[in-house]
């Protein structure tokens, strides 16, 4: 994979790079999802679907502090480069 000098790219080039990265990630996510669905289908022949197992498994609760930190990360504005 060729290295990209991000510092030398214009705003438009950076936006295009971001868009290409998002597209590639979406493709990979879709491919992985198809793989997992196929695996679930194969496993369902054994009597228990993974959906039933996942639904009956206990779910750990997140602490209030971790939720607050997550919210802080989402709402903080991105600092502009000088």
PDB file of N, CA and C in Angstrom:
ATOM      1  N   UNK A   1       0.839  -1.175   0.000  1.00  0.00           N
ATOM      2  CA  UNK A   1       0.000   0.000   0.000  1.00  0.00           C
ATOM      3  C   UNK A   1       0.887   1.242   0.000  1.00  0.00           C
ATOM      4  N   UNK A   2       0.567   2.159  -0.847  1.00  0.00           N
ATOM      5  CA  UNK A   2       1.365   3.372  -0.965  1.00  0.00           C
ATOM      6  C   UNK A   2       1.112   4.292   0.222  1.00  0.00           C
ATOM      7  N   UNK A   3       2.173   4.921   0.695  1.00  0.00           N
ATOM      8  CA  UNK A   3       2.025   5.870   1.794  1.00  0.00           C
ATOM      9  C   UNK A   3       1.540   7.196   1.234  1.00  0.00           C
ATOM     10  N   UNK A   4       0.711   7.852   2.023  1.00  0.00           N
ATOM     11  CA  UNK A   4       0.143   9.133   1.620  1.00  0.00           C
ATOM     12  C   UNK A   4       0.647  10.201   2.576  1.00  0.00           C
ATOM     13  N   UNK A   5       1.175  11.279   2.021  1.00  0.00           N
ATOM     14  CA  UNK A   5       1.626  12.401   2.840  1.00  0.00           C
ATOM     15  C   UNK A   5       0.407  13.283   3.117  1.00  0.00           C
ATOM     16  N   UNK A   6      -0.228  13.029   4.241  1.00  0.00           N
ATOM     17  CA  UNK A   6      -1.469  13.721   4.581  1.00  0.00           C
ATOM     18  C   UNK A   6      -1.257  15.219   4.723  1.00  0.00           C
ATOM     19  N   UNK A   7      -0.103  15.618   5.212  1.00  0.00           N
ATOM     20  CA  UNK A   7       0.170  17.046   5.402  1.00  0.00           C
ATOM     21  C   UNK A   7       0.170  17.820   4.089  1.00  0.00           C
ATOM     22  N   UNK A   8       0.477  17.138   2.984  1.00  0.00           N
ATOM     23  CA  UNK A   8       0.550  17.832   1.702  1.00  0.00           C
ATOM     24  C   UNK A   8      -0.783  17.854   0.958  1.00  0.00           C
ATOM     25  N   UNK A   9      -1.805  17.182   1.473  1.00  0.00           N
ATOM     26  CA  UNK A   9      -3.095  17.116   0.795  1.00  0.00           C
ATOM     27  C   UNK A   9      -3.936  18.355   1.081  1.00  0.00           C
ATOM     28  N   UNK A  10      -4.718  18.750   0.077  1.00  0.00           N
ATOM     29  CA  UNK A  10      -5.651  19.862   0.256  1.00  0.00           C
ATOM     30  C   UNK A  10      -6.884  19.362   1.005  1.00  0.00           C
ATOM     31  N   UNK A  11      -7.726  20.284   1.393  1.00  0.00           N
ATOM     32  CA  UNK A  11      -8.970  19.931   2.083  1.00  0.00           C
ATOM     33  C   UNK A  11      -9.809  19.006   1.206  1.00  0.00           C
ATOM     34  N   UNK A  12      -9.914  19.319  -0.063  1.00  0.00           N
ATOM     35  CA  UNK A  12     -10.711  18.511  -0.983  1.00  0.00           C
ATOM     36  C   UNK A  12     -10.139  17.104  -1.115  1.00  0.00           C
ATOM     37  N   UNK A  13      -8.812  17.001  -1.181  1.00  0.00           N
ATOM     38  CA  UNK A  13      -8.169  15.689  -1.286  1.00  0.00           C
ATOM     39  C   UNK A  13      -8.357  14.882   0.001  1.00  0.00           C
ATOM     40  N   UNK A  14      -8.270  15.558   1.138  1.00  0.00           N
ATOM     41  CA  UNK A  14      -8.501  14.878   2.416  1.00  0.00           C
ATOM     42  C   UNK A  14      -9.950  14.383   2.519  1.00  0.00           C
ATOM     43  N   UNK A  15     -10.886  15.205   2.058  1.00  0.00           N
ATOM     44  CA  UNK A  15     -12.294  14.804   2.092  1.00  0.00           C
ATOM     45  C   UNK A  15     -12.522  13.607   1.167  1.00  0.00           C
ATOM     46  N   UNK A  16     -11.879  13.606   0.001  1.00  0.00           N
ATOM     47  CA  UNK A  16     -12.017  12.483  -0.924  1.00  0.00           C
ATOM     48  C   UNK A  16     -11.400  11.217  -0.323  1.00  0.00           C
ATOM     49  N   UNK A  17     -10.263  11.362   0.349  1.00  0.00           N
ATOM     50  CA  UNK A  17      -9.622  10.231   1.018  1.00  0.00           C
ATOM     51  C   UNK A  17     -10.527   9.670   2.112  1.00  0.00           C
ATOM     52  N   UNK A  18     -11.131  10.565   2.884  1.00  0.00           N
ATOM     53  CA  UNK A  18     -12.070  10.145   3.924  1.00  0.00           C
ATOM     54  C   UNK A  18     -13.238   9.367   3.318  1.00  0.00           C
ATOM     55  N   UNK A  19     -13.781   9.886   2.210  1.00  0.00           N
ATOM     56  CA  UNK A  19     -14.907   9.227   1.550  1.00  0.00           C
ATOM     57  C   UNK A  19     -14.518   7.838   1.038  1.00  0.00           C
ATOM     58  N   UNK A  20     -13.327   7.723   0.478  1.00  0.00           N
ATOM     59  CA  UNK A  20     -12.863   6.408  -0.002  1.00  0.00           C
ATOM     60  C   UNK A  20     -12.677   5.447   1.167  1.00  0.00           C
ATOM     61  N   UNK A  21     -12.147   5.949   2.293  1.00  0.00           N
ATOM     62  CA  UNK A  21     -11.955   5.101   3.471  1.00  0.00           C
ATOM     63  C   UNK A  21     -13.301   4.631   4.012  1.00  0.00           C
ATOM     64  N   UNK A  22     -14.280   5.503   4.045  1.00  0.00           N
ATOM     65  CA  UNK A  22     -15.616   5.137   4.518  1.00  0.00           C
ATOM     66  C   UNK A  22     -16.219   4.068   3.607  1.00  0.00           C
ATOM     67  N   UNK A  23     -16.079   4.239   2.298  1.00  0.00           N
ATOM     68  CA  UNK A  23     -16.603   3.250   1.348  1.00  0.00           C
ATOM     69  C   UNK A  23     -15.935   1.897   1.551  1.00  0.00           C
ATOM     70  N   UNK A  24     -14.617   1.900   1.694  1.00  0.00           N
ATOM     71  CA  UNK A  24     -13.883   0.644   1.873  1.00  0.00           C
ATOM     72  C   UNK A  24     -14.285  -0.036   3.178  1.00  0.00           C
ATOM     73  N   UNK A  25     -14.417   0.736   4.248  1.00  0.00           N
ATOM     74  CA  UNK A  25     -14.864   0.168   5.520  1.00  0.00           C
ATOM     75  C   UNK A  25     -16.262  -0.419   5.404  1.00  0.00           C
ATOM     76  N   UNK A  26     -17.154   0.262   4.695  1.00  0.00           N
ATOM     77  CA  UNK A  26     -18.518  -0.239   4.517  1.00  0.00           C
ATOM     78  C   UNK A  26     -18.504  -1.561   3.751  1.00  0.00           C
ATOM     79  N   UNK A  27     -17.647  -1.658   2.729  1.00  0.00           N
ATOM     80  CA  UNK A  27     -17.526  -2.904   1.971  1.00  0.00           C
ATOM     81  C   UNK A  27     -17.046  -4.037   2.869  1.00  0.00           C
ATOM     82  N   UNK A  28     -16.034  -3.755   3.678  1.00  0.00           N
ATOM     83  CA  UNK A  28     -15.487  -4.789   4.557  1.00  0.00           C
ATOM     84  C   UNK A  28     -16.495  -5.206   5.628  1.00  0.00           C
ATOM     85  N   UNK A  29     -17.238  -4.249   6.156  1.00  0.00           N
ATOM     86  CA  UNK A  29     -18.252  -4.568   7.154  1.00  0.00           C
ATOM     87  C   UNK A  29     -19.336  -5.445   6.530  1.00  0.00           C
ATOM     88  N   UNK A  30     -19.770  -5.104   5.321  1.00  0.00           N
ATOM     89  CA  UNK A  30     -20.808  -5.885   4.648  1.00  0.00           C
ATOM     90  C   UNK A  30     -20.320  -7.305   4.367  1.00  0.00           C
ATOM     91  N   UNK A  31     -19.065  -7.439   3.932  1.00  0.00           N
ATOM     92  CA  UNK A  31     -18.510  -8.769   3.662  1.00  0.00           C
ATOM     93  C   UNK A  31     -18.425  -9.587   4.939  1.00  0.00           C
ATOM     94  N   UNK A  32     -17.989  -8.966   6.013  1.00  0.00           N
ATOM     95  CA  UNK A  32     -17.881  -9.685   7.289  1.00  0.00           C
ATOM     96  C   UNK A  32     -19.255 -10.068   7.818  1.00  0.00           C
ATOM     97  N   UNK A  33     -20.216  -9.185   7.651  1.00  0.00           N
ATOM     98  CA  UNK A  33     -21.572  -9.484   8.087  1.00  0.00           C
ATOM     99  C   UNK A  33     -22.120 -10.680   7.321  1.00  0.00           C
ATOM    100  N   UNK A  34     -21.856 -10.748   6.013  1.00  0.00           N
ATOM    101  CA  UNK A  34     -22.311 -11.884   5.210  1.00  0.00           C
ATOM    102  C   UNK A  34     -21.649 -13.174   5.692  1.00  0.00           C
ATOM    103  N   UNK A  35     -20.355 -13.102   6.024  1.00  0.00           N
ATOM    104  CA  UNK A  35     -19.645 -14.272   6.552  1.00  0.00           C
ATOM    105  C   UNK A  35     -20.280 -14.743   7.865  1.00  0.00           C
ATOM    106  N   UNK A  36     -20.562 -13.808   8.752  1.00  0.00           N
ATOM    107  CA  UNK A  36     -21.138 -14.161  10.051  1.00  0.00           C
ATOM    108  C   UNK A  36     -22.547 -14.727   9.909  1.00  0.00           C
ATOM    109  N   UNK A  37     -23.332 -14.154   8.991  1.00  0.00           N
ATOM    110  CA  UNK A  37     -24.670 -14.677   8.767  1.00  0.00           C
ATOM    111  C   UNK A  37     -24.619 -16.096   8.206  1.00  0.00           C
ATOM    112  N   UNK A  38     -23.673 -16.365   7.305  1.00  0.00           N
ATOM    113  CA  UNK A  38     -23.516 -17.704   6.765  1.00  0.00           C
ATOM    114  C   UNK A  38     -23.108 -18.677   7.866  1.00  0.00           C
ATOM    115  N   UNK A  39     -22.226 -18.242   8.755  1.00  0.00           N
ATOM    116  CA  UNK A  39     -21.804 -19.083   9.873  1.00  0.00           C
ATOM    117  C   UNK A  39     -22.977 -19.348  10.817  1.00  0.00           C
ATOM    118  N   UNK A  40     -23.791 -18.340  11.078  1.00  0.00           N
ATOM    119  CA  UNK A  40     -24.967 -18.526  11.921  1.00  0.00           C
ATOM    120  C   UNK A  40     -25.924 -19.537  11.287  1.00  0.00           C
ATOM    121  N   UNK A  41     -26.079 -19.462   9.990  1.00  0.00           N
ATOM    122  CA  UNK A  41     -26.948 -20.407   9.285  1.00  0.00           C
ATOM    123  C   UNK A  41     -26.425 -21.830   9.433  1.00  0.00           C
ATOM    124  N   UNK A  42     -25.112 -22.001   9.286  1.00  0.00           N
ATOM    125  CA  UNK A  42     -24.520 -23.343   9.451  1.00  0.00           C
ATOM    126  C   UNK A  42     -24.695 -23.848  10.877  1.00  0.00           C
ATOM    127  N   UNK A  43     -24.533 -22.953  11.843  1.00  0.00           N
ATOM    128  CA  UNK A  43     -24.653 -23.346  13.244  1.00  0.00           C
ATOM    129  C   UNK A  43     -26.097 -23.626  13.651  1.00  0.00           C
ATOM    130  N   UNK A  44     -27.039 -23.018  12.960  1.00  0.00           N
ATOM    131  CA  UNK A  44     -28.439 -23.197  13.331  1.00  0.00           C
ATOM    132  C   UNK A  44     -28.908 -24.638  13.143  1.00  0.00           C
ATOM    133  N   UNK A  45     -28.184 -25.425  12.357  1.00  0.00           N
ATOM    134  CA  UNK A  45     -28.569 -26.820  12.157  1.00  0.00           C
ATOM    135  C   UNK A  45     -28.382 -27.649  13.425  1.00  0.00           C
ATOM    136  N   UNK A  46     -27.683 -27.121  14.413  1.00  0.00           N
ATOM    137  CA  UNK A  46     -27.436 -27.846  15.653  1.00  0.00           C
ATOM    138  C   UNK A  46     -28.503 -27.595  16.704  1.00  0.00           C
ATOM    139  N   UNK A  47     -29.568 -26.898  16.342  1.00  0.00           N
ATOM    140  CA  UNK A  47     -30.705 -26.765  17.233  1.00  0.00           C
ATOM    141  C   UNK A  47     -30.837 -25.436  17.931  1.00  0.00           C
ATOM    142  N   UNK A  48     -29.754 -24.779  18.231  1.00  0.00           N
ATOM    143  CA  UNK A  48     -29.811 -23.477  18.893  1.00  0.00           C
ATOM    144  C   UNK A  48     -29.270 -22.436  17.937  1.00  0.00           C
ATOM    145  N   UNK A  49     -30.068 -21.437  17.663  1.00  0.00           N
ATOM    146  CA  UNK A  49     -29.543 -20.353  16.843  1.00  0.00           C
ATOM    147  C   UNK A  49     -28.752 -19.421  17.742  1.00  0.00           C
ATOM    148  N   UNK A  50     -27.821 -18.725  17.194  1.00  0.00           N
ATOM    149  CA  UNK A  50     -26.994 -17.824  17.998  1.00  0.00           C
ATOM    150  C   UNK A  50     -27.814 -16.652  18.524  1.00  0.00           C
ATOM    151  N   UNK A  51     -28.941 -16.337  17.864  1.00  0.00           N
ATOM    152  CA  UNK A  51     -29.789 -15.254  18.363  1.00  0.00           C
ATOM    153  C   UNK A  51     -30.398 -15.637  19.706  1.00  0.00           C
ATOM    154  N   UNK A  52     -30.840 -16.894  19.845  1.00  0.00           N
ATOM    155  CA  UNK A  52     -31.414 -17.331  21.103  1.00  0.00           C
ATOM    156  C   UNK A  52     -30.357 -17.330  22.197  1.00  0.00           C
ATOM    157  N   UNK A  53     -29.161 -17.761  21.870  1.00  0.00           N
ATOM    158  CA  UNK A  53     -28.080 -17.797  22.853  1.00  0.00           C
ATOM    159  C   UNK A  53     -27.724 -16.378  23.276  1.00  0.00           C
ATOM    160  N   UNK A  54     -27.613 -15.470  22.322  1.00  0.00           N
ATOM    161  CA  UNK A  54     -27.258 -14.090  22.641  1.00  0.00           C
ATOM    162  C   UNK A  54     -28.346 -13.428  23.474  1.00  0.00           C
ATOM    163  N   UNK A  55     -29.608 -13.747  23.188  1.00  0.00           N
ATOM    164  CA  UNK A  55     -30.698 -13.129  23.923  1.00  0.00           C
ATOM    165  C   UNK A  55     -30.750 -13.612  25.364  1.00  0.00           C
ATOM    166  N   UNK A  56     -30.345 -14.859  25.620  1.00  0.00           N
ATOM    167  CA  UNK A  56     -30.420 -15.386  26.971  1.00  0.00           C
ATOM    168  C   UNK A  56     -29.164 -15.093  27.792  1.00  0.00           C
ATOM    169  N   UNK A  57     -28.125 -14.633  27.155  1.00  0.00           N
ATOM    170  CA  UNK A  57     -26.883 -14.345  27.872  1.00  0.00           C
ATOM    171  C   UNK A  57     -27.047 -13.059  28.684  1.00  0.00           C
ATOM    172  N   UNK A  58     -26.503 -13.030  29.897  1.00  0.00           N
ATOM    173  CA  UNK A  58     -26.604 -11.806  30.702  1.00  0.00           C
ATOM    174  C   UNK A  58     -25.782 -10.686  30.084  1.00  0.00           C
ATOM    175  N   UNK A  59     -26.284  -9.491  30.219  1.00  0.00           N
ATOM    176  CA  UNK A  59     -25.613  -8.328  29.653  1.00  0.00           C
ATOM    177  C   UNK A  59     -25.045  -7.510  30.799  1.00  0.00           C
ATOM    178  N   UNK A  60     -23.752  -7.196  30.703  1.00  0.00           N
ATOM    179  CA  UNK A  60     -23.104  -6.380  31.732  1.00  0.00           C
ATOM    180  C   UNK A  60     -23.550  -4.937  31.572  1.00  0.00           C
ATOM    181  N   UNK A  61     -23.869  -4.303  32.691  1.00  0.00           N
ATOM    182  CA  UNK A  61     -24.271  -2.907  32.648  1.00  0.00           C
ATOM    183  C   UNK A  61     -23.028  -2.027  32.649  1.00  0.00           C
ATOM    184  N   UNK A  62     -23.106  -0.936  31.875  1.00  0.00           N
ATOM    185  CA  UNK A  62     -22.005   0.010  31.840  1.00  0.00           C
ATOM    186  C   UNK A  62     -22.133   0.962  33.027  1.00  0.00           C
ATOM    187  N   UNK A  63     -20.993   1.352  33.548  1.00  0.00           N
ATOM    188  CA  UNK A  63     -21.021   2.297  34.661  1.00  0.00           C
ATOM    189  C   UNK A  63     -21.410   3.678  34.146  1.00  0.00           C
ATOM    190  N   UNK A  64     -21.921   4.477  35.048  1.00  0.00           N
ATOM    191  CA  UNK A  64     -22.335   5.824  34.681  1.00  0.00           C
ATOM    192  C   UNK A  64     -21.146   6.658  34.219  1.00  0.00           C
ATOM    193  N   UNK A  65     -19.988   6.444  34.839  1.00  0.00           N
ATOM    194  CA  UNK A  65     -18.797   7.201  34.457  1.00  0.00           C
ATOM    195  C   UNK A  65     -18.378   6.885  33.028  1.00  0.00           C
ATOM    196  N   UNK A  66     -18.426   5.617  32.629  1.00  0.00           N
ATOM    197  CA  UNK A  66     -18.016   5.273  31.271  1.00  0.00           C
ATOM    198  C   UNK A  66     -18.982   5.864  30.255  1.00  0.00           C
ATOM    199  N   UNK A  67     -20.265   5.926  30.590  1.00  0.00           N
ATOM    200  CA  UNK A  67     -21.249   6.553  29.712  1.00  0.00           C
ATOM    201  C   UNK A  67     -20.990   8.050  29.598  1.00  0.00           C
ATOM    202  N   UNK A  68     -20.642   8.692  30.731  1.00  0.00           N
ATOM    203  CA  UNK A  68     -20.367  10.123  30.704  1.00  0.00           C
ATOM    204  C   UNK A  68     -19.139  10.419  29.866  1.00  0.00           C
ATOM    205  N   UNK A  69     -18.105   9.596  29.991  1.00  0.00           N
ATOM    206  CA  UNK A  69     -16.900   9.788  29.193  1.00  0.00           C
ATOM    207  C   UNK A  69     -17.207   9.632  27.718  1.00  0.00           C
ATOM    208  N   UNK A  70     -18.020   8.645  27.382  1.00  0.00           N
ATOM    209  CA  UNK A  70     -18.397   8.422  25.991  1.00  0.00           C
ATOM    210  C   UNK A  70     -19.135   9.639  25.452  1.00  0.00           C
ATOM    211  N   UNK A  71     -20.066  10.174  26.236  1.00  0.00           N
ATOM    212  CA  UNK A  71     -20.817  11.344  25.812  1.00  0.00           C
ATOM    213  C   UNK A  71     -19.910  12.558  25.665  1.00  0.00           C
ATOM    214  N   UNK A  72     -18.935  12.712  26.545  1.00  0.00           N
ATOM    215  CA  UNK A  72     -18.000  13.822  26.448  1.00  0.00           C
ATOM    216  C   UNK A  72     -17.189  13.750  25.166  1.00  0.00           C
ATOM    217  N   UNK A  73     -16.778  12.562  24.793  1.00  0.00           N
ATOM    218  CA  UNK A  73     -15.995  12.396  23.572  1.00  0.00           C
ATOM    219  C   UNK A  73     -16.809  12.776  22.350  1.00  0.00           C
ATOM    220  N   UNK A  74     -18.067  12.471  22.357  1.00  0.00           N
ATOM    221  CA  UNK A  74     -18.914  12.732  21.205  1.00  0.00           C
ATOM    222  C   UNK A  74     -19.238  14.205  21.068  1.00  0.00           C
ATOM    223  N   UNK A  75     -19.419  14.897  22.180  1.00  0.00           N
ATOM    224  CA  UNK A  75     -19.877  16.276  22.110  1.00  0.00           C
ATOM    225  C   UNK A  75     -18.767  17.316  22.089  1.00  0.00           C
ATOM    226  N   UNK A  76     -17.524  16.917  22.387  1.00  0.00           N
ATOM    227  CA  UNK A  76     -16.442  17.894  22.385  1.00  0.00           C
ATOM    228  C   UNK A  76     -16.100  18.288  20.961  1.00  0.00           C
ATOM    229  N   UNK A  77     -15.970  19.587  20.700  1.00  0.00           N
ATOM    230  CA  UNK A  77     -15.613  20.032  19.345  1.00  0.00           C
ATOM    231  C   UNK A  77     -14.162  19.670  19.033  1.00  0.00           C
ATOM    232  N   UNK A  78     -13.890  19.473  17.791  1.00  0.00           N
ATOM    233  CA  UNK A  78     -12.532  19.161  17.344  1.00  0.00           C
ATOM    234  C   UNK A  78     -11.749  20.449  17.258  1.00  0.00           C
ATOM    235  N   UNK A  79     -10.585  20.484  17.862  1.00  0.00           N
ATOM    236  CA  UNK A  79      -9.751  21.677  17.841  1.00  0.00           C
ATOM    237  C   UNK A  79      -9.177  21.867  16.450  1.00  0.00           C
ATOM    238  N   UNK A  80      -9.173  23.094  16.001  1.00  0.00           N
ATOM    239  CA  UNK A  80      -8.624  23.398  14.680  1.00  0.00           C
ATOM    240  C   UNK A  80      -7.116  23.487  14.757  1.00  0.00           C
ATOM    241  N   UNK A  81      -6.445  23.042  13.691  1.00  0.00           N
ATOM    242  CA  UNK A  81      -4.991  23.104  13.637  1.00  0.00           C
ATOM    243  C   UNK A  81      -4.549  24.552  13.458  1.00  0.00           C
ATOM    244  N   UNK A  82      -3.465  24.905  14.107  1.00  0.00           N
ATOM    245  CA  UNK A  82      -2.978  26.283  14.028  1.00  0.00           C
ATOM    246  C   UNK A  82      -2.195  26.495  12.755  1.00  0.00           C
TER     247      UNK A  82
END
